[in-house]
Amino acid sequence: MRLNDEAQRALSVQDYASQPSIQGVDIVELKRFGDDGGSLTELGRLTAGMHAALPGFEVKQVNYSEMDPGVIKAFHLHRRQTDVWFIPPSDKMLLVLVDVRAGSPTEKVIRRLPMGDGVSRLVRIPPGVAHGVKNIGAARGRIIYFVDVQFQASPTEGDEGRLPWDFVGADVWDVVKG
């Protein structure tokens, strides 16, 4: 079929290929068990603090956070701490990861990862991978995350670095249209 000239000039093709991976970032697809009364998702089995699905990851603290629609919280950066994130399948968030580790084979790789939206998964975020999130849903969004370093309020003892929300450009947070 031949398109008219205007449509031919405006035509693009959406890329459904997988995104580049970042070394050390693991995605664990979780089973969601549903019935006519609701659903259950097992977030993990722990033995002496060790998460069965994430070798080498010892849970030291579990946190819960809420975000209003449209809010961006970014970028967080840890030098010692590994995060493991879970966004409930009923919510809809955009997780953005950026490898800022000097000399890493995936240095400067950016990964946009839709979370929730009917899918149950964990994402392991290693030290040196900046991470941020935008609530792209219509309701308050929730994050449950596990960490292997306990929170310290003191900046000299803690591991809570920040980079600007637009560190890799403001457009990284735009919802893809088309």
Foldseek 3Di string as FASTA:
>chain_A
DDDPPVCVVVDDDDDPDDADDFPPKDKFFWDWADDPVGIDTDPADDDCQAGPVDPPAGFDDKDKDKDFAFDKDDWKAFQAKKKKKWWALVFWKKKKKAQCDPPGPCHGGIDIDIHRVNTTMIIIGGGRIIMMMHRNDNGMTMMMMTMRDDADPDPVPGGTDGDDSQNVHPCVRDDDDD
